Amino acid sequence: MFWSKSKLIADVVEDKCCNCGKCVEFCRRRALVIAEVQGKTCTFVDDPKRCSGCGNCVRICPVQAIKMVERYC
């Protein structure tokens, strides 16, 4: 599949995220999604294997709600 050699992965800070969707649109690997979870709209990394750790989503986020963290998978 899209396995990445990067040791980093995007992590969306739920309390900061405004769910604008810019990161979802910008991610060329389609790792991020916006979905309704238990009645609340959330943006998150849907498939960690798709995230290449490039950090472009961090740069595009208007409210600095995404950080890069050590890969857990």
N, C-alpha and C. Protein backbone atom coordinates (compact mmCIF):
# COMPACT_ATOMS: atom_id res chain seq x y z
N MET A 1 0.84 -1.18 0.00
CA MET A 1 0.00 0.00 0.00
C MET A 1 0.88 1.24 0.00
N PHE A 2 0.64 2.22 0.88
CA PHE A 2 1.37 3.48 0.90
C PHE A 2 2.36 3.55 2.05
N TRP A 3 2.98 2.48 2.45
CA TRP A 3 3.82 2.51 3.64
C TRP A 3 4.89 3.57 3.53
N SER A 4 5.07 4.31 4.58
CA SER A 4 6.01 5.42 4.61
C SER A 4 7.19 5.09 5.51
N LYS A 5 8.35 5.64 5.18
CA LYS A 5 9.53 5.45 6.01
C LYS A 5 9.63 6.51 7.10
N SER A 6 8.77 7.53 7.05
CA SER A 6 8.80 8.60 8.02
C SER A 6 8.42 8.08 9.40
N LYS A 7 9.06 8.62 10.42
CA LYS A 7 8.75 8.23 11.79
C LYS A 7 7.70 9.14 12.39
N LEU A 8 7.19 10.09 11.60
CA LEU A 8 6.19 11.04 12.09
C LEU A 8 4.86 10.84 11.39
N ILE A 9 3.82 11.27 12.09
CA ILE A 9 2.47 11.18 11.56
C ILE A 9 1.69 12.41 12.05
N ALA A 10 0.73 12.85 11.26
CA ALA A 10 -0.10 13.99 11.64
C ALA A 10 -1.05 13.61 12.77
N ASP A 11 -1.27 14.55 13.67
CA ASP A 11 -2.21 14.36 14.77
C ASP A 11 -3.02 15.65 14.91
N VAL A 12 -4.33 15.54 14.80
CA VAL A 12 -5.22 16.70 14.89
C VAL A 12 -5.61 16.91 16.35
N VAL A 13 -5.38 18.12 16.85
CA VAL A 13 -5.76 18.48 18.21
C VAL A 13 -7.23 18.90 18.16
N GLU A 14 -8.09 18.03 18.66
CA GLU A 14 -9.54 18.20 18.53
C GLU A 14 -10.04 19.53 19.09
N ASP A 15 -9.50 19.96 20.23
CA ASP A 15 -9.97 21.19 20.87
C ASP A 15 -9.64 22.44 20.06
N LYS A 16 -8.59 22.39 19.24
CA LYS A 16 -8.19 23.54 18.44
C LYS A 16 -8.82 23.53 17.05
N CYS A 17 -9.15 22.36 16.54
CA CYS A 17 -9.60 22.20 15.16
C CYS A 17 -10.95 22.87 14.92
N CYS A 18 -11.03 23.65 13.83
CA CYS A 18 -12.28 24.32 13.47
C CYS A 18 -13.02 23.56 12.36
N ASN A 19 -12.49 22.41 11.95
CA ASN A 19 -13.09 21.55 10.92
C ASN A 19 -13.36 22.30 9.62
N CYS A 20 -12.41 23.13 9.22
CA CYS A 20 -12.56 23.90 7.98
C CYS A 20 -12.36 23.04 6.74
N GLY A 21 -11.62 21.94 6.88
CA GLY A 21 -11.41 21.03 5.77
C GLY A 21 -10.22 21.34 4.87
N LYS A 22 -9.48 22.39 5.17
CA LYS A 22 -8.34 22.74 4.33
C LYS A 22 -7.30 21.64 4.30
N CYS A 23 -7.04 21.02 5.43
CA CYS A 23 -6.04 19.94 5.48
C CYS A 23 -6.52 18.72 4.69
N VAL A 24 -7.80 18.44 4.76
CA VAL A 24 -8.38 17.30 4.04
C VAL A 24 -8.24 17.51 2.53
N GLU A 25 -8.55 18.72 2.07
CA GLU A 25 -8.43 19.04 0.65
C GLU A 25 -6.97 19.04 0.19
N PHE A 26 -6.07 19.48 1.05
CA PHE A 26 -4.66 19.65 0.69
C PHE A 26 -3.88 18.34 0.70
N CYS A 27 -4.29 17.39 1.52
CA CYS A 27 -3.56 16.12 1.66
C CYS A 27 -3.67 15.30 0.38
N ARG A 28 -2.57 15.14 -0.31
CA ARG A 28 -2.60 14.40 -1.58
C ARG A 28 -2.67 12.90 -1.38
N ARG A 29 -2.42 12.43 -0.16
CA ARG A 29 -2.49 11.00 0.13
C ARG A 29 -3.83 10.59 0.73
N ARG A 30 -4.71 11.57 0.92
CA ARG A 30 -6.05 11.33 1.47
C ARG A 30 -6.01 10.63 2.83
N ALA A 31 -5.09 11.06 3.67
CA ALA A 31 -4.96 10.47 5.00
C ALA A 31 -5.94 11.08 5.99
N LEU A 32 -6.32 12.32 5.76
CA LEU A 32 -7.22 13.04 6.67
C LEU A 32 -8.65 13.04 6.17
N VAL A 33 -9.59 12.98 7.10
CA VAL A 33 -11.01 13.03 6.76
C VAL A 33 -11.76 13.88 7.77
N ILE A 34 -12.93 14.35 7.35
CA ILE A 34 -13.87 14.99 8.27
C ILE A 34 -15.08 14.06 8.33
N ALA A 35 -15.48 13.72 9.53
CA ALA A 35 -16.61 12.82 9.70
C ALA A 35 -17.35 13.16 10.97
N GLU A 36 -18.59 12.71 11.04
CA GLU A 36 -19.38 12.89 12.26
C GLU A 36 -19.18 11.64 13.12
N VAL A 37 -18.69 11.87 14.33
CA VAL A 37 -18.43 10.78 15.27
C VAL A 37 -19.22 11.06 16.54
N GLN A 38 -20.14 10.19 16.86
CA GLN A 38 -21.00 10.33 18.03
C GLN A 38 -21.66 11.70 18.08
N GLY A 39 -22.16 12.14 16.93
CA GLY A 39 -22.88 13.41 16.85
C GLY A 39 -22.02 14.65 16.78
N LYS A 40 -20.69 14.49 16.70
CA LYS A 40 -19.80 15.64 16.66
C LYS A 40 -18.93 15.57 15.41
N THR A 41 -18.77 16.68 14.71
CA THR A 41 -17.93 16.73 13.52
C THR A 41 -16.48 16.77 13.96
N CYS A 42 -15.67 15.88 13.38
CA CYS A 42 -14.26 15.76 13.74
C CYS A 42 -13.39 15.61 12.50
N THR A 43 -12.19 16.14 12.56
CA THR A 43 -11.18 15.93 11.53
C THR A 43 -10.10 15.06 12.15
N PHE A 44 -9.70 14.01 11.43
CA PHE A 44 -8.70 13.09 11.98
C PHE A 44 -8.01 12.31 10.87
N VAL A 45 -6.90 11.65 11.24
CA VAL A 45 -6.19 10.78 10.30
C VAL A 45 -6.96 9.47 10.26
N ASP A 46 -7.59 9.21 9.14
CA ASP A 46 -8.43 8.02 8.98
C ASP A 46 -7.60 6.76 8.78
N ASP A 47 -6.55 6.86 8.00
CA ASP A 47 -5.72 5.70 7.72
C ASP A 47 -4.26 6.09 7.93
N PRO A 48 -3.70 5.77 9.09
CA PRO A 48 -2.32 6.16 9.41
C PRO A 48 -1.29 5.70 8.38
N LYS A 49 -1.56 4.60 7.70
CA LYS A 49 -0.61 4.10 6.71
C LYS A 49 -0.51 5.03 5.51
N ARG A 50 -1.53 5.82 5.27
CA ARG A 50 -1.51 6.76 4.14
C ARG A 50 -0.70 8.01 4.45
N CYS A 51 -0.57 8.37 5.72
CA CYS A 51 0.15 9.59 6.10
C CYS A 51 1.65 9.39 5.86
N SER A 52 2.23 10.27 5.04
CA SER A 52 3.65 10.17 4.71
C SER A 52 4.52 10.93 5.69
N GLY A 53 3.91 11.72 6.57
CA GLY A 53 4.69 12.50 7.53
C GLY A 53 5.29 13.75 6.92
N CYS A 54 4.75 14.22 5.79
CA CYS A 54 5.32 15.36 5.09
C CYS A 54 5.15 16.68 5.85
N GLY A 55 4.09 16.80 6.65
CA GLY A 55 3.85 18.01 7.42
C GLY A 55 3.15 19.12 6.67
N ASN A 56 2.73 18.88 5.43
CA ASN A 56 2.04 19.92 4.67
C ASN A 56 0.73 20.33 5.33
N CYS A 57 0.04 19.41 5.96
CA CYS A 57 -1.21 19.73 6.64
C CYS A 57 -0.96 20.69 7.81
N VAL A 58 0.18 20.54 8.46
CA VAL A 58 0.54 21.43 9.57
C VAL A 58 0.68 22.86 9.05
N ARG A 59 1.32 23.01 7.91
CA ARG A 59 1.56 24.33 7.33
C ARG A 59 0.28 24.98 6.80
N ILE A 60 -0.67 24.19 6.32
CA ILE A 60 -1.90 24.74 5.73
C ILE A 60 -2.97 25.05 6.77
N CYS A 61 -2.89 24.46 7.96
CA CYS A 61 -3.92 24.64 8.99
C CYS A 61 -3.96 26.09 9.49
N PRO A 62 -5.10 26.77 9.34
CA PRO A 62 -5.19 28.18 9.75
C PRO A 62 -5.22 28.40 11.26
N VAL A 63 -5.48 27.36 12.04
CA VAL A 63 -5.56 27.52 13.50
C VAL A 63 -4.51 26.70 14.24
N GLN A 64 -3.51 26.21 13.53
CA GLN A 64 -2.41 25.42 14.10
C GLN A 64 -2.93 24.26 14.96
N ALA A 65 -3.89 23.52 14.42
CA ALA A 65 -4.51 22.42 15.16
C ALA A 65 -3.89 21.06 14.83
N ILE A 66 -2.87 21.04 13.98
CA ILE A 66 -2.24 19.78 13.61
C ILE A 66 -0.77 19.81 14.01
N LYS A 67 -0.33 18.74 14.61
CA LYS A 67 1.08 18.61 14.98
C LYS A 67 1.57 17.26 14.47
N MET A 68 2.86 17.17 14.34
CA MET A 68 3.46 15.90 13.93
C MET A 68 3.93 15.18 15.19
N VAL A 69 3.58 13.91 15.29
CA VAL A 69 3.94 13.09 16.46
C VAL A 69 4.62 11.81 15.97
N GLU A 70 5.25 11.13 16.89
CA GLU A 70 5.93 9.88 16.55
C GLU A 70 4.89 8.85 16.07
N ARG A 71 5.22 8.20 14.99
CA ARG A 71 4.32 7.20 14.38
C ARG A 71 4.09 6.06 15.37
N TYR A 72 2.84 5.65 15.49
CA TYR A 72 2.47 4.58 16.41
C TYR A 72 2.09 3.30 15.67
N CYS A 73 2.20 3.29 14.36
CA CYS A 73 1.88 2.08 13.61
C CYS A 73 2.89 1.87 12.50
